[in-house]
Amino acid sequence: MRAMILAAGHGKRMRPLTDHLPKPLLKVAGKPLIVWHIEHLKQAGIREIVINMGWKGWKLPETLGDGSRWGVCLQYSDEQQSGPLETAGGIRKALPLLGEAPFIVVNGDIWCDYPFTRLRLADNDLAHLVLINNPEHHPAGDFGLCDTRVTLHSLPRYTFSGIGCYRAELFLNLSAEKMALAPLLQEAIQQHQASGEHYNGEWRDIGTPQRLQQLNNELTQDHR
């Protein structure tokens, strides 16, 4: 199985930290956010990883190289000329690098301890989503969960973690290069082709400098 780390966003809410740096390269406990993902994916046996790049994207391969220092192979999907294609558009552009088998996608601006070995996609499904308890900044949630099926309206509602496993067919027929992921997920859910799970472990959306600093303080304290 291959994986993709989404790293093309501008990270405007993180300014001024992202004025000259892609958000996934911001450090927490002395390590770039994206490196935490690379290491966790490697621990799960995933060695082929695609990273899309947009804002200041050239700094990603400059910093990470080909991934050999972590025992993985990194490839890059370049959105610097086109501009950010949003999540679904970015995945669609990267499909030639992701292969024909189901693949993992994880947001580059989150921090979590989710065990990627748990991700599975049933033969008839197009997506498997990892859902979490609603954080304070997103109290309404995104989706419901009935046993292992993701729903649009059932309660309680959970927040999509930014971690999922997908089949390429979900993205092949996009009508535009730039497109968000939510409409595709909603369609797959309506067609009963989206499974899910509730994860109750550590997960953080690193959306503001304050959240980054809080996580950094906690991880630094843990390693003393």
N, C-alpha and C. Protein backbone atom coordinates (compact mmCIF):
# COMPACT_ATOMS: atom_id res chain seq x y z
N MET A 1 0.84 -1.20 0.00
CA MET A 1 0.00 0.00 0.00
C MET A 1 0.88 1.25 0.00
N ARG A 2 0.47 2.25 -0.80
CA ARG A 2 1.16 3.52 -0.83
C ARG A 2 0.37 4.56 -0.02
N ALA A 3 1.01 5.68 0.23
CA ALA A 3 0.36 6.75 1.01
C ALA A 3 0.65 8.09 0.39
N MET A 4 -0.23 9.05 0.66
CA MET A 4 -0.03 10.42 0.23
C MET A 4 -0.20 11.34 1.43
N ILE A 5 0.72 12.29 1.57
CA ILE A 5 0.63 13.31 2.61
C ILE A 5 0.29 14.63 1.92
N LEU A 6 -0.81 15.25 2.35
CA LEU A 6 -1.27 16.50 1.75
C LEU A 6 -0.48 17.67 2.35
N ALA A 7 0.26 18.37 1.51
CA ALA A 7 1.16 19.41 2.01
C ALA A 7 1.18 20.65 1.15
N ALA A 8 0.13 20.86 0.32
CA ALA A 8 0.16 21.94 -0.66
C ALA A 8 -0.50 23.23 -0.19
N GLY A 9 -1.17 23.21 0.96
CA GLY A 9 -1.91 24.39 1.40
C GLY A 9 -1.02 25.56 1.79
N HIS A 10 -1.63 26.74 1.81
CA HIS A 10 -0.88 27.95 2.13
C HIS A 10 -0.65 28.11 3.63
N GLY A 11 -1.56 27.64 4.46
CA GLY A 11 -1.39 27.78 5.90
C GLY A 11 -1.50 29.21 6.38
N LYS A 12 -2.49 29.94 5.84
CA LYS A 12 -2.60 31.37 6.16
C LYS A 12 -2.87 31.63 7.64
N ARG A 13 -3.59 30.72 8.30
CA ARG A 13 -3.89 30.92 9.73
C ARG A 13 -2.65 30.79 10.60
N MET A 14 -1.59 30.23 10.03
CA MET A 14 -0.35 30.05 10.79
C MET A 14 0.63 31.20 10.60
N ARG A 15 0.24 32.21 9.84
CA ARG A 15 1.14 33.35 9.69
C ARG A 15 1.45 34.00 11.03
N PRO A 16 2.66 34.50 11.24
CA PRO A 16 3.74 34.66 10.26
C PRO A 16 4.64 33.44 10.11
N LEU A 17 4.34 32.34 10.82
CA LEU A 17 5.21 31.17 10.78
C LEU A 17 5.32 30.58 9.38
N THR A 18 4.25 30.74 8.58
CA THR A 18 4.24 30.16 7.24
C THR A 18 4.50 31.18 6.13
N ASP A 19 4.96 32.35 6.49
CA ASP A 19 5.26 33.34 5.45
C ASP A 19 6.35 32.84 4.51
N HIS A 20 7.26 32.04 5.02
CA HIS A 20 8.40 31.59 4.21
C HIS A 20 8.60 30.08 4.29
N LEU A 21 7.57 29.35 4.75
CA LEU A 21 7.74 27.91 4.97
C LEU A 21 6.40 27.19 4.80
N PRO A 22 6.36 26.05 4.12
CA PRO A 22 5.13 25.26 4.09
C PRO A 22 4.76 24.80 5.50
N LYS A 23 3.48 24.80 5.80
CA LYS A 23 3.05 24.46 7.16
C LYS A 23 3.55 23.09 7.64
N PRO A 24 3.56 22.04 6.78
CA PRO A 24 4.02 20.74 7.27
C PRO A 24 5.50 20.70 7.67
N LEU A 25 6.25 21.74 7.33
CA LEU A 25 7.65 21.78 7.75
C LEU A 25 7.84 22.50 9.08
N LEU A 26 6.77 23.04 9.64
CA LEU A 26 6.87 23.62 10.98
C LEU A 26 7.23 22.52 11.97
N LYS A 27 8.07 22.85 12.92
CA LYS A 27 8.58 21.83 13.83
C LYS A 27 7.78 21.76 15.12
N VAL A 28 7.63 20.55 15.61
CA VAL A 28 7.07 20.30 16.93
C VAL A 28 7.98 19.29 17.61
N ALA A 29 8.44 19.63 18.81
CA ALA A 29 9.42 18.81 19.54
C ALA A 29 10.65 18.57 18.68
N GLY A 30 11.08 19.61 17.95
CA GLY A 30 12.31 19.53 17.19
C GLY A 30 12.22 18.80 15.86
N LYS A 31 11.01 18.43 15.44
CA LYS A 31 10.85 17.62 14.24
C LYS A 31 9.72 18.19 13.38
N PRO A 32 9.91 18.35 12.07
CA PRO A 32 8.82 18.83 11.23
C PRO A 32 7.58 17.95 11.33
N LEU A 33 6.41 18.59 11.29
CA LEU A 33 5.16 17.83 11.37
C LEU A 33 5.12 16.69 10.37
N ILE A 34 5.58 16.95 9.15
CA ILE A 34 5.48 15.92 8.11
C ILE A 34 6.38 14.73 8.40
N VAL A 35 7.46 14.95 9.12
CA VAL A 35 8.36 13.84 9.45
C VAL A 35 7.70 12.89 10.44
N TRP A 36 6.88 13.42 11.35
CA TRP A 36 6.13 12.52 12.24
C TRP A 36 5.29 11.55 11.42
N HIS A 37 4.64 12.06 10.36
CA HIS A 37 3.83 11.19 9.49
C HIS A 37 4.71 10.17 8.76
N ILE A 38 5.82 10.63 8.22
CA ILE A 38 6.70 9.72 7.49
C ILE A 38 7.14 8.57 8.39
N GLU A 39 7.52 8.90 9.61
CA GLU A 39 7.99 7.86 10.54
C GLU A 39 6.87 6.90 10.91
N HIS A 40 5.66 7.43 11.15
CA HIS A 40 4.53 6.56 11.51
C HIS A 40 4.14 5.66 10.34
N LEU A 41 4.17 6.20 9.12
CA LEU A 41 3.87 5.37 7.96
C LEU A 41 4.92 4.28 7.77
N LYS A 42 6.17 4.63 7.97
CA LYS A 42 7.24 3.63 7.86
C LYS A 42 7.05 2.52 8.89
N GLN A 43 6.67 2.89 10.11
CA GLN A 43 6.42 1.89 11.15
C GLN A 43 5.30 0.94 10.77
N ALA A 44 4.36 1.42 9.94
CA ALA A 44 3.25 0.59 9.48
C ALA A 44 3.61 -0.22 8.24
N GLY A 45 4.86 -0.14 7.81
CA GLY A 45 5.30 -0.92 6.66
C GLY A 45 5.09 -0.23 5.32
N ILE A 46 4.75 1.06 5.33
CA ILE A 46 4.50 1.81 4.09
C ILE A 46 5.77 2.55 3.72
N ARG A 47 6.31 2.22 2.57
CA ARG A 47 7.59 2.80 2.17
C ARG A 47 7.52 3.67 0.92
N GLU A 48 6.38 3.69 0.24
CA GLU A 48 6.22 4.54 -0.93
C GLU A 48 5.22 5.65 -0.59
N ILE A 49 5.71 6.88 -0.53
CA ILE A 49 4.91 8.00 -0.05
C ILE A 49 4.98 9.15 -1.06
N VAL A 50 3.82 9.68 -1.39
CA VAL A 50 3.71 10.83 -2.30
C VAL A 50 3.37 12.06 -1.46
N ILE A 51 4.01 13.17 -1.76
CA ILE A 51 3.75 14.44 -1.09
C ILE A 51 3.39 15.47 -2.15
N ASN A 52 2.22 16.11 -2.02
CA ASN A 52 1.94 17.20 -2.96
C ASN A 52 2.47 18.51 -2.39
N MET A 53 2.84 19.40 -3.27
CA MET A 53 3.48 20.62 -2.81
C MET A 53 2.93 21.82 -3.57
N GLY A 54 2.68 22.91 -2.83
CA GLY A 54 2.15 24.13 -3.40
C GLY A 54 2.92 25.33 -2.90
N TRP A 55 2.40 25.96 -1.83
CA TRP A 55 3.03 27.15 -1.26
C TRP A 55 4.45 26.84 -0.78
N LYS A 56 5.44 27.55 -1.34
CA LYS A 56 6.85 27.33 -1.00
C LYS A 56 7.20 25.84 -1.11
N GLY A 57 6.58 25.18 -2.09
CA GLY A 57 6.68 23.72 -2.17
C GLY A 57 8.07 23.20 -2.39
N TRP A 58 8.91 23.97 -3.08
CA TRP A 58 10.26 23.51 -3.35
C TRP A 58 11.06 23.22 -2.09
N LYS A 59 10.61 23.80 -0.97
CA LYS A 59 11.33 23.55 0.28
C LYS A 59 11.09 22.15 0.83
N LEU A 60 10.03 21.49 0.36
CA LEU A 60 9.77 20.12 0.83
C LEU A 60 10.83 19.15 0.33
N PRO A 61 11.06 19.01 -0.98
CA PRO A 61 12.14 18.11 -1.41
C PRO A 61 13.51 18.60 -0.97
N GLU A 62 13.67 19.92 -0.84
CA GLU A 62 14.96 20.43 -0.36
C GLU A 62 15.25 19.94 1.04
N THR A 63 14.20 19.86 1.88
CA THR A 63 14.36 19.43 3.27
C THR A 63 14.32 17.92 3.43
N LEU A 64 13.42 17.27 2.71
CA LEU A 64 13.17 15.84 2.92
C LEU A 64 13.93 14.93 1.98
N GLY A 65 14.31 15.45 0.82
CA GLY A 65 15.03 14.63 -0.15
C GLY A 65 14.19 13.49 -0.68
N ASP A 66 14.84 12.35 -0.93
CA ASP A 66 14.14 11.20 -1.50
C ASP A 66 13.59 10.26 -0.44
N GLY A 67 13.75 10.63 0.84
CA GLY A 67 13.20 9.82 1.92
C GLY A 67 14.11 8.71 2.41
N SER A 68 15.28 8.55 1.80
CA SER A 68 16.14 7.42 2.15
C SER A 68 16.62 7.45 3.60
N ARG A 69 16.70 8.64 4.18
CA ARG A 69 17.16 8.70 5.58
C ARG A 69 16.16 8.07 6.54
N TRP A 70 14.90 7.93 6.10
CA TRP A 70 13.88 7.26 6.92
C TRP A 70 13.55 5.87 6.38
N GLY A 71 14.25 5.45 5.35
CA GLY A 71 13.98 4.13 4.78
C GLY A 71 12.73 4.06 3.94
N VAL A 72 12.32 5.20 3.36
CA VAL A 72 11.15 5.24 2.49
C VAL A 72 11.54 5.90 1.17
N CYS A 73 10.63 5.81 0.20
CA CYS A 73 10.80 6.47 -1.08
C CYS A 73 9.78 7.59 -1.19
N LEU A 74 10.24 8.83 -1.26
CA LEU A 74 9.36 9.98 -1.39
C LEU A 74 9.30 10.44 -2.84
N GLN A 75 8.08 10.68 -3.31
CA GLN A 75 7.86 11.30 -4.61
C GLN A 75 6.98 12.53 -4.41
N TYR A 76 7.09 13.48 -5.34
CA TYR A 76 6.42 14.76 -5.16
C TYR A 76 5.49 15.05 -6.32
N SER A 77 4.28 15.51 -5.97
CA SER A 77 3.29 15.94 -6.96
C SER A 77 3.23 17.46 -6.89
N ASP A 78 3.64 18.12 -7.96
CA ASP A 78 3.90 19.56 -7.94
C ASP A 78 2.68 20.37 -8.37
N GLU A 79 2.17 21.20 -7.46
CA GLU A 79 1.06 22.09 -7.76
C GLU A 79 1.48 23.56 -7.71
N GLN A 80 2.77 23.81 -7.79
CA GLN A 80 3.26 25.18 -7.65
C GLN A 80 2.85 26.07 -8.81
N GLN A 81 2.81 25.54 -10.02
CA GLN A 81 2.45 26.34 -11.18
C GLN A 81 0.93 26.51 -11.30
N SER A 82 0.20 25.44 -11.05
CA SER A 82 -1.26 25.47 -11.20
C SER A 82 -1.93 26.22 -10.05
N GLY A 83 -1.27 26.28 -8.90
CA GLY A 83 -1.90 26.76 -7.69
C GLY A 83 -2.57 25.60 -6.98
N PRO A 84 -2.87 25.73 -5.70
CA PRO A 84 -3.45 24.63 -4.94
C PRO A 84 -4.73 24.10 -5.60
N LEU A 85 -4.82 22.79 -5.72
CA LEU A 85 -5.96 22.14 -6.37
C LEU A 85 -7.00 21.66 -5.38
N GLU A 86 -6.85 22.01 -4.10
CA GLU A 86 -7.67 21.49 -3.01
C GLU A 86 -7.45 19.99 -2.87
N THR A 87 -8.14 19.38 -1.93
CA THR A 87 -7.79 18.00 -1.56
C THR A 87 -8.07 17.01 -2.68
N ALA A 88 -9.30 16.98 -3.19
CA ALA A 88 -9.64 16.00 -4.22
C ALA A 88 -8.84 16.25 -5.50
N GLY A 89 -8.70 17.51 -5.88
CA GLY A 89 -7.93 17.83 -7.07
C GLY A 89 -6.47 17.44 -6.94
N GLY A 90 -5.91 17.65 -5.75
CA GLY A 90 -4.53 17.26 -5.51
C GLY A 90 -4.34 15.75 -5.57
N ILE A 91 -5.28 15.02 -5.01
CA ILE A 91 -5.19 13.55 -5.07
C ILE A 91 -5.33 13.09 -6.51
N ARG A 92 -6.26 13.67 -7.26
CA ARG A 92 -6.46 13.28 -8.67
C ARG A 92 -5.17 13.49 -9.45
N LYS A 93 -4.50 14.60 -9.26
CA LYS A 93 -3.25 14.87 -9.98
C LYS A 93 -2.17 13.85 -9.63
N ALA A 94 -2.19 13.37 -8.38
CA ALA A 94 -1.14 12.47 -7.91
C ALA A 94 -1.42 11.00 -8.22
N LEU A 95 -2.57 10.68 -8.79
CA LEU A 95 -2.93 9.27 -9.02
C LEU A 95 -1.87 8.47 -9.78
N PRO A 96 -1.21 9.04 -10.81
CA PRO A 96 -0.18 8.25 -11.50
C PRO A 96 0.95 7.79 -10.58
N LEU A 97 1.17 8.50 -9.49
CA LEU A 97 2.22 8.13 -8.53
C LEU A 97 1.70 7.17 -7.47
N LEU A 98 0.39 7.07 -7.32
CA LEU A 98 -0.19 6.28 -6.24
C LEU A 98 -0.52 4.85 -6.64
N GLY A 99 -0.53 4.56 -7.92
CA GLY A 99 -0.78 3.19 -8.35
C GLY A 99 -2.25 2.84 -8.37
N GLU A 100 -2.53 1.57 -8.66
CA GLU A 100 -3.90 1.11 -8.84
C GLU A 100 -4.54 0.56 -7.56
N ALA A 101 -3.75 0.19 -6.57
CA ALA A 101 -4.29 -0.37 -5.33
C ALA A 101 -4.82 0.73 -4.43
N PRO A 102 -5.68 0.41 -3.46
CA PRO A 102 -6.13 1.41 -2.48
C PRO A 102 -4.93 2.07 -1.80
N PHE A 103 -5.07 3.34 -1.46
CA PHE A 103 -3.97 4.08 -0.88
C PHE A 103 -4.46 4.92 0.30
N ILE A 104 -3.53 5.28 1.17
CA ILE A 104 -3.81 6.09 2.35
C ILE A 104 -3.54 7.55 2.02
N VAL A 105 -4.38 8.44 2.56
CA VAL A 105 -4.14 9.88 2.48
C VAL A 105 -4.23 10.45 3.89
N VAL A 106 -3.28 11.31 4.24
CA VAL A 106 -3.29 11.95 5.56
C VAL A 106 -2.95 13.42 5.40
N ASN A 107 -3.68 14.27 6.10
CA ASN A 107 -3.39 15.70 6.09
C ASN A 107 -2.03 15.97 6.71
N GLY A 108 -1.26 16.83 6.05
CA GLY A 108 0.08 17.12 6.56
C GLY A 108 0.11 18.05 7.75
N ASP A 109 -1.02 18.67 8.07
CA ASP A 109 -1.03 19.65 9.16
C ASP A 109 -1.76 19.14 10.40
N ILE A 110 -1.79 17.82 10.56
CA ILE A 110 -2.30 17.25 11.81
C ILE A 110 -1.18 16.48 12.50
N TRP A 111 -1.38 16.21 13.77
CA TRP A 111 -0.47 15.35 14.53
C TRP A 111 -1.32 14.28 15.19
N CYS A 112 -0.92 13.02 15.09
CA CYS A 112 -1.74 11.96 15.68
C CYS A 112 -0.87 10.74 15.94
N ASP A 113 -1.42 9.80 16.70
CA ASP A 113 -0.74 8.53 16.92
C ASP A 113 -1.55 7.37 16.35
N TYR A 114 -2.36 7.66 15.34
CA TYR A 114 -3.19 6.63 14.74
C TYR A 114 -2.31 5.54 14.12
N PRO A 115 -2.60 4.25 14.38
CA PRO A 115 -1.82 3.15 13.81
C PRO A 115 -2.29 2.84 12.39
N PHE A 116 -1.52 3.24 11.40
CA PHE A 116 -1.95 3.11 10.01
C PHE A 116 -2.15 1.67 9.58
N THR A 117 -1.63 0.72 10.31
CA THR A 117 -1.85 -0.69 9.97
C THR A 117 -3.32 -1.08 10.07
N ARG A 118 -4.12 -0.28 10.75
CA ARG A 118 -5.55 -0.59 10.90
C ARG A 118 -6.37 -0.27 9.67
N LEU A 119 -5.85 0.55 8.77
CA LEU A 119 -6.64 1.00 7.63
C LEU A 119 -6.87 -0.13 6.63
N ARG A 120 -8.14 -0.39 6.36
CA ARG A 120 -8.54 -1.41 5.40
C ARG A 120 -9.69 -0.87 4.57
N LEU A 121 -9.79 -1.34 3.33
CA LEU A 121 -10.86 -0.92 2.44
C LEU A 121 -11.53 -2.15 1.86
N ALA A 122 -12.83 -2.31 2.13
CA ALA A 122 -13.58 -3.46 1.62
C ALA A 122 -13.70 -3.38 0.10
N ASP A 123 -13.91 -4.53 -0.52
CA ASP A 123 -13.91 -4.62 -1.99
C ASP A 123 -14.92 -3.68 -2.64
N ASN A 124 -16.07 -3.48 -2.04
CA ASN A 124 -17.13 -2.68 -2.66
C ASN A 124 -17.11 -1.22 -2.25
N ASP A 125 -16.15 -0.81 -1.42
CA ASP A 125 -16.10 0.55 -0.92
C ASP A 125 -15.08 1.39 -1.69
N LEU A 126 -15.36 2.69 -1.75
CA LEU A 126 -14.44 3.64 -2.35
C LEU A 126 -13.64 4.41 -1.32
N ALA A 127 -14.11 4.42 -0.07
CA ALA A 127 -13.44 5.21 0.97
C ALA A 127 -13.63 4.57 2.34
N HIS A 128 -12.62 4.70 3.17
CA HIS A 128 -12.71 4.36 4.60
C HIS A 128 -12.17 5.56 5.36
N LEU A 129 -12.99 6.13 6.24
CA LEU A 129 -12.65 7.36 6.93
C LEU A 129 -12.40 7.12 8.41
N VAL A 130 -11.40 7.78 8.95
CA VAL A 130 -11.14 7.76 10.38
C VAL A 130 -11.80 8.99 10.98
N LEU A 131 -12.73 8.76 11.90
CA LEU A 131 -13.47 9.84 12.54
C LEU A 131 -13.04 9.98 13.99
N ILE A 132 -13.10 11.19 14.51
CA ILE A 132 -12.67 11.47 15.87
C ILE A 132 -13.74 12.26 16.61
N ASN A 133 -13.59 12.35 17.92
CA ASN A 133 -14.48 13.22 18.71
C ASN A 133 -14.31 14.67 18.25
N ASN A 134 -15.38 15.42 18.28
CA ASN A 134 -15.35 16.78 17.76
C ASN A 134 -14.46 17.68 18.62
N PRO A 135 -13.46 18.32 18.02
CA PRO A 135 -12.64 19.26 18.78
C PRO A 135 -13.41 20.55 19.07
N GLU A 136 -12.88 21.36 19.96
CA GLU A 136 -13.56 22.59 20.35
C GLU A 136 -13.83 23.52 19.17
N HIS A 137 -12.92 23.54 18.20
CA HIS A 137 -13.07 24.46 17.08
C HIS A 137 -13.99 23.91 15.98
N HIS A 138 -14.51 22.69 16.16
CA HIS A 138 -15.42 22.11 15.16
C HIS A 138 -16.48 21.28 15.88
N PRO A 139 -17.32 21.92 16.69
CA PRO A 139 -18.24 21.18 17.57
C PRO A 139 -19.36 20.45 16.84
N ALA A 140 -19.71 20.86 15.63
CA ALA A 140 -20.85 20.25 14.92
C ALA A 140 -20.48 18.94 14.25
N GLY A 141 -19.19 18.67 14.06
CA GLY A 141 -18.78 17.43 13.42
C GLY A 141 -19.05 17.43 11.93
N ASP A 142 -18.76 16.30 11.29
CA ASP A 142 -18.92 16.16 9.84
C ASP A 142 -19.87 15.04 9.44
N PHE A 143 -19.71 13.86 10.09
CA PHE A 143 -20.45 12.68 9.66
C PHE A 143 -20.93 11.89 10.88
N GLY A 144 -21.90 11.03 10.63
CA GLY A 144 -22.32 10.06 11.61
C GLY A 144 -21.68 8.71 11.32
N LEU A 145 -21.87 7.77 12.22
CA LEU A 145 -21.29 6.44 12.06
C LEU A 145 -22.28 5.42 12.61
N CYS A 146 -22.67 4.51 11.75
CA CYS A 146 -23.59 3.43 12.15
C CYS A 146 -22.86 2.12 11.96
N ASP A 147 -22.44 1.51 13.07
CA ASP A 147 -21.55 0.36 13.03
C ASP A 147 -20.28 0.77 12.27
N THR A 148 -20.03 0.19 11.10
CA THR A 148 -18.83 0.54 10.33
C THR A 148 -19.16 1.35 9.09
N ARG A 149 -20.39 1.91 9.00
CA ARG A 149 -20.78 2.68 7.82
C ARG A 149 -20.87 4.16 8.16
N VAL A 150 -20.26 4.99 7.32
CA VAL A 150 -20.34 6.44 7.51
C VAL A 150 -21.69 6.92 6.99
N THR A 151 -22.32 7.82 7.74
CA THR A 151 -23.63 8.35 7.36
C THR A 151 -23.58 9.88 7.33
N LEU A 152 -24.57 10.47 6.70
CA LEU A 152 -24.64 11.93 6.61
C LEU A 152 -25.46 12.56 7.72
N HIS A 153 -26.40 11.80 8.31
CA HIS A 153 -27.36 12.44 9.20
C HIS A 153 -27.50 11.79 10.58
N SER A 154 -26.96 10.60 10.79
CA SER A 154 -27.18 9.94 12.07
C SER A 154 -26.39 10.62 13.18
N LEU A 155 -26.82 10.40 14.41
CA LEU A 155 -26.18 10.96 15.60
C LEU A 155 -25.61 9.83 16.46
N PRO A 156 -24.55 10.09 17.22
CA PRO A 156 -23.80 11.37 17.29
C PRO A 156 -22.98 11.62 16.02
N ARG A 157 -22.56 12.87 15.87
CA ARG A 157 -21.73 13.22 14.73
C ARG A 157 -20.26 13.33 15.17
N TYR A 158 -19.39 12.96 14.27
CA TYR A 158 -17.96 12.99 14.54
C TYR A 158 -17.26 13.85 13.48
N THR A 159 -16.02 14.19 13.76
CA THR A 159 -15.21 14.99 12.85
C THR A 159 -14.29 14.10 12.03
N PHE A 160 -14.22 14.37 10.75
CA PHE A 160 -13.28 13.65 9.89
C PHE A 160 -11.86 14.06 10.26
N SER A 161 -11.02 13.09 10.51
CA SER A 161 -9.68 13.34 11.03
C SER A 161 -8.68 13.82 9.99
N GLY A 162 -9.02 13.69 8.70
CA GLY A 162 -8.04 13.95 7.66
C GLY A 162 -7.23 12.72 7.32
N ILE A 163 -7.63 11.56 7.86
CA ILE A 163 -6.98 10.28 7.57
C ILE A 163 -7.99 9.38 6.88
N GLY A 164 -7.64 8.85 5.73
CA GLY A 164 -8.56 7.97 5.02
C GLY A 164 -7.82 7.02 4.11
N CYS A 165 -8.55 6.01 3.66
CA CYS A 165 -8.05 5.07 2.67
C CYS A 165 -9.02 5.11 1.50
N TYR A 166 -8.49 5.23 0.29
CA TYR A 166 -9.34 5.47 -0.88
C TYR A 166 -8.98 4.55 -2.04
N ARG A 167 -9.97 4.39 -2.91
CA ARG A 167 -9.76 3.73 -4.18
C ARG A 167 -9.68 4.80 -5.27
N ALA A 168 -8.83 4.60 -6.26
CA ALA A 168 -8.62 5.62 -7.29
C ALA A 168 -9.90 5.98 -8.01
N GLU A 169 -10.83 5.03 -8.14
CA GLU A 169 -12.08 5.28 -8.85
C GLU A 169 -12.86 6.46 -8.27
N LEU A 170 -12.65 6.78 -7.02
CA LEU A 170 -13.36 7.89 -6.39
C LEU A 170 -13.00 9.21 -7.05
N PHE A 171 -11.81 9.30 -7.65
CA PHE A 171 -11.30 10.57 -8.14
C PHE A 171 -11.20 10.65 -9.67
N LEU A 172 -11.45 9.57 -10.36
CA LEU A 172 -11.15 9.53 -11.79
C LEU A 172 -12.03 10.44 -12.63
N ASN A 173 -13.27 10.67 -12.21
CA ASN A 173 -14.22 11.40 -13.05
C ASN A 173 -14.47 12.83 -12.58
N LEU A 174 -13.47 13.44 -11.96
CA LEU A 174 -13.64 14.82 -11.51
C LEU A 174 -13.90 15.73 -12.70
N SER A 175 -14.83 16.65 -12.52
CA SER A 175 -15.20 17.55 -13.61
C SER A 175 -14.29 18.78 -13.69
N ALA A 176 -13.50 19.02 -12.67
CA ALA A 176 -12.59 20.17 -12.66
C ALA A 176 -11.30 19.78 -11.97
N GLU A 177 -10.22 20.48 -12.32
CA GLU A 177 -8.93 20.17 -11.70
C GLU A 177 -8.93 20.50 -10.21
N LYS A 178 -9.57 21.63 -9.85
CA LYS A 178 -9.59 22.08 -8.47
C LYS A 178 -10.90 21.66 -7.82
N MET A 179 -10.82 20.86 -6.75
CA MET A 179 -12.05 20.39 -6.13
C MET A 179 -11.80 19.93 -4.70
N ALA A 180 -12.74 20.24 -3.83
CA ALA A 180 -12.67 19.79 -2.44
C ALA A 180 -13.02 18.31 -2.35
N LEU A 181 -12.66 17.71 -1.24
CA LEU A 181 -12.92 16.29 -1.03
C LEU A 181 -14.34 16.02 -0.56
N ALA A 182 -14.93 16.94 0.21
CA ALA A 182 -16.23 16.69 0.84
C ALA A 182 -17.32 16.24 -0.13
N PRO A 183 -17.50 16.89 -1.31
CA PRO A 183 -18.57 16.44 -2.20
C PRO A 183 -18.40 14.99 -2.67
N LEU A 184 -17.16 14.57 -2.89
CA LEU A 184 -16.92 13.19 -3.31
C LEU A 184 -17.25 12.22 -2.18
N LEU A 185 -16.88 12.58 -0.96
CA LEU A 185 -17.19 11.72 0.17
C LEU A 185 -18.70 11.63 0.39
N GLN A 186 -19.38 12.74 0.28
CA GLN A 186 -20.82 12.73 0.47
C GLN A 186 -21.51 11.84 -0.56
N GLU A 187 -21.04 11.88 -1.80
CA GLU A 187 -21.61 11.03 -2.84
C GLU A 187 -21.34 9.56 -2.55
N ALA A 188 -20.12 9.24 -2.12
CA ALA A 188 -19.79 7.85 -1.79
C ALA A 188 -20.62 7.36 -0.62
N ILE A 189 -20.86 8.22 0.36
CA ILE A 189 -21.69 7.84 1.50
C ILE A 189 -23.12 7.57 1.06
N GLN A 190 -23.65 8.42 0.20
CA GLN A 190 -25.01 8.23 -0.29
C GLN A 190 -25.14 6.94 -1.10
N GLN A 191 -24.07 6.54 -1.75
CA GLN A 191 -24.07 5.30 -2.53
C GLN A 191 -23.68 4.08 -1.69
N HIS A 192 -23.57 4.27 -0.36
CA HIS A 192 -23.21 3.19 0.57
C HIS A 192 -21.86 2.57 0.22
N GLN A 193 -20.91 3.43 -0.13
CA GLN A 193 -19.57 2.97 -0.50
C GLN A 193 -18.49 3.59 0.38
N ALA A 194 -18.87 3.97 1.60
CA ALA A 194 -17.90 4.57 2.52
C ALA A 194 -18.02 3.93 3.90
N SER A 195 -16.97 3.28 4.33
CA SER A 195 -16.91 2.72 5.68
C SER A 195 -16.14 3.68 6.58
N GLY A 196 -16.16 3.41 7.88
CA GLY A 196 -15.46 4.30 8.79
C GLY A 196 -15.22 3.67 10.14
N GLU A 197 -14.47 4.38 10.95
CA GLU A 197 -14.18 3.94 12.31
C GLU A 197 -14.04 5.17 13.19
N HIS A 198 -14.29 4.98 14.47
CA HIS A 198 -14.11 6.05 15.44
C HIS A 198 -12.80 5.82 16.17
N TYR A 199 -11.90 6.79 16.10
CA TYR A 199 -10.62 6.69 16.76
C TYR A 199 -10.60 7.63 17.95
N ASN A 200 -10.22 7.11 19.11
CA ASN A 200 -10.28 7.89 20.34
C ASN A 200 -8.90 8.18 20.90
N GLY A 201 -7.87 8.04 20.06
CA GLY A 201 -6.51 8.30 20.52
C GLY A 201 -6.10 9.75 20.35
N GLU A 202 -4.80 9.98 20.34
CA GLU A 202 -4.28 11.34 20.23
C GLU A 202 -4.43 11.86 18.80
N TRP A 203 -4.99 13.06 18.69
CA TRP A 203 -5.16 13.71 17.38
C TRP A 203 -5.21 15.21 17.60
N ARG A 204 -4.45 15.95 16.81
CA ARG A 204 -4.47 17.41 16.91
C ARG A 204 -4.50 18.02 15.51
N ASP A 205 -5.34 19.01 15.34
CA ASP A 205 -5.34 19.84 14.15
C ASP A 205 -4.44 21.04 14.44
N ILE A 206 -3.31 21.11 13.75
CA ILE A 206 -2.35 22.18 14.02
C ILE A 206 -2.71 23.36 13.13
N GLY A 207 -3.80 24.05 13.47
CA GLY A 207 -4.32 25.10 12.61
C GLY A 207 -3.92 26.51 12.99
N THR A 208 -3.35 26.69 14.18
CA THR A 208 -2.96 28.03 14.63
C THR A 208 -1.61 27.94 15.34
N PRO A 209 -0.88 29.06 15.42
CA PRO A 209 0.38 29.05 16.16
C PRO A 209 0.20 28.62 17.61
N GLN A 210 -0.95 28.95 18.20
CA GLN A 210 -1.20 28.59 19.60
C GLN A 210 -1.30 27.07 19.76
N ARG A 211 -1.98 26.40 18.83
CA ARG A 211 -2.09 24.93 18.91
C ARG A 211 -0.74 24.27 18.68
N LEU A 212 0.04 24.83 17.78
CA LEU A 212 1.39 24.30 17.54
C LEU A 212 2.23 24.42 18.80
N GLN A 213 2.17 25.56 19.45
CA GLN A 213 2.96 25.77 20.66
C GLN A 213 2.51 24.87 21.79
N GLN A 214 1.18 24.68 21.92
CA GLN A 214 0.66 23.80 22.96
C GLN A 214 1.15 22.37 22.78
N LEU A 215 1.07 21.86 21.53
CA LEU A 215 1.54 20.51 21.27
C LEU A 215 3.04 20.40 21.50
N ASN A 216 3.78 21.40 21.08
CA ASN A 216 5.22 21.39 21.28
C ASN A 216 5.56 21.33 22.77
N ASN A 217 4.84 22.11 23.57
CA ASN A 217 5.10 22.10 25.00
C ASN A 217 4.82 20.73 25.60
N GLU A 218 3.70 20.11 25.18
CA GLU A 218 3.33 18.80 25.73
C GLU A 218 4.32 17.72 25.35
N LEU A 219 4.71 17.69 24.07
CA LEU A 219 5.64 16.65 23.62
C LEU A 219 7.03 16.86 24.22
N THR A 220 7.43 18.11 24.33
CA THR A 220 8.73 18.39 24.95
C THR A 220 8.73 17.96 26.41
N GLN A 221 7.63 18.21 27.11
CA GLN A 221 7.51 17.80 28.51
C GLN A 221 7.56 16.29 28.62
N ASP A 222 6.90 15.58 27.69
CA ASP A 222 6.85 14.11 27.73
C ASP A 222 8.23 13.49 27.56
N HIS A 223 9.12 14.18 26.85
CA HIS A 223 10.43 13.61 26.55
C HIS A 223 11.52 14.04 27.52
N ARG A 224 11.12 14.76 28.58
CA ARG A 224 12.12 15.15 29.57
C ARG A 224 12.41 14.00 30.52
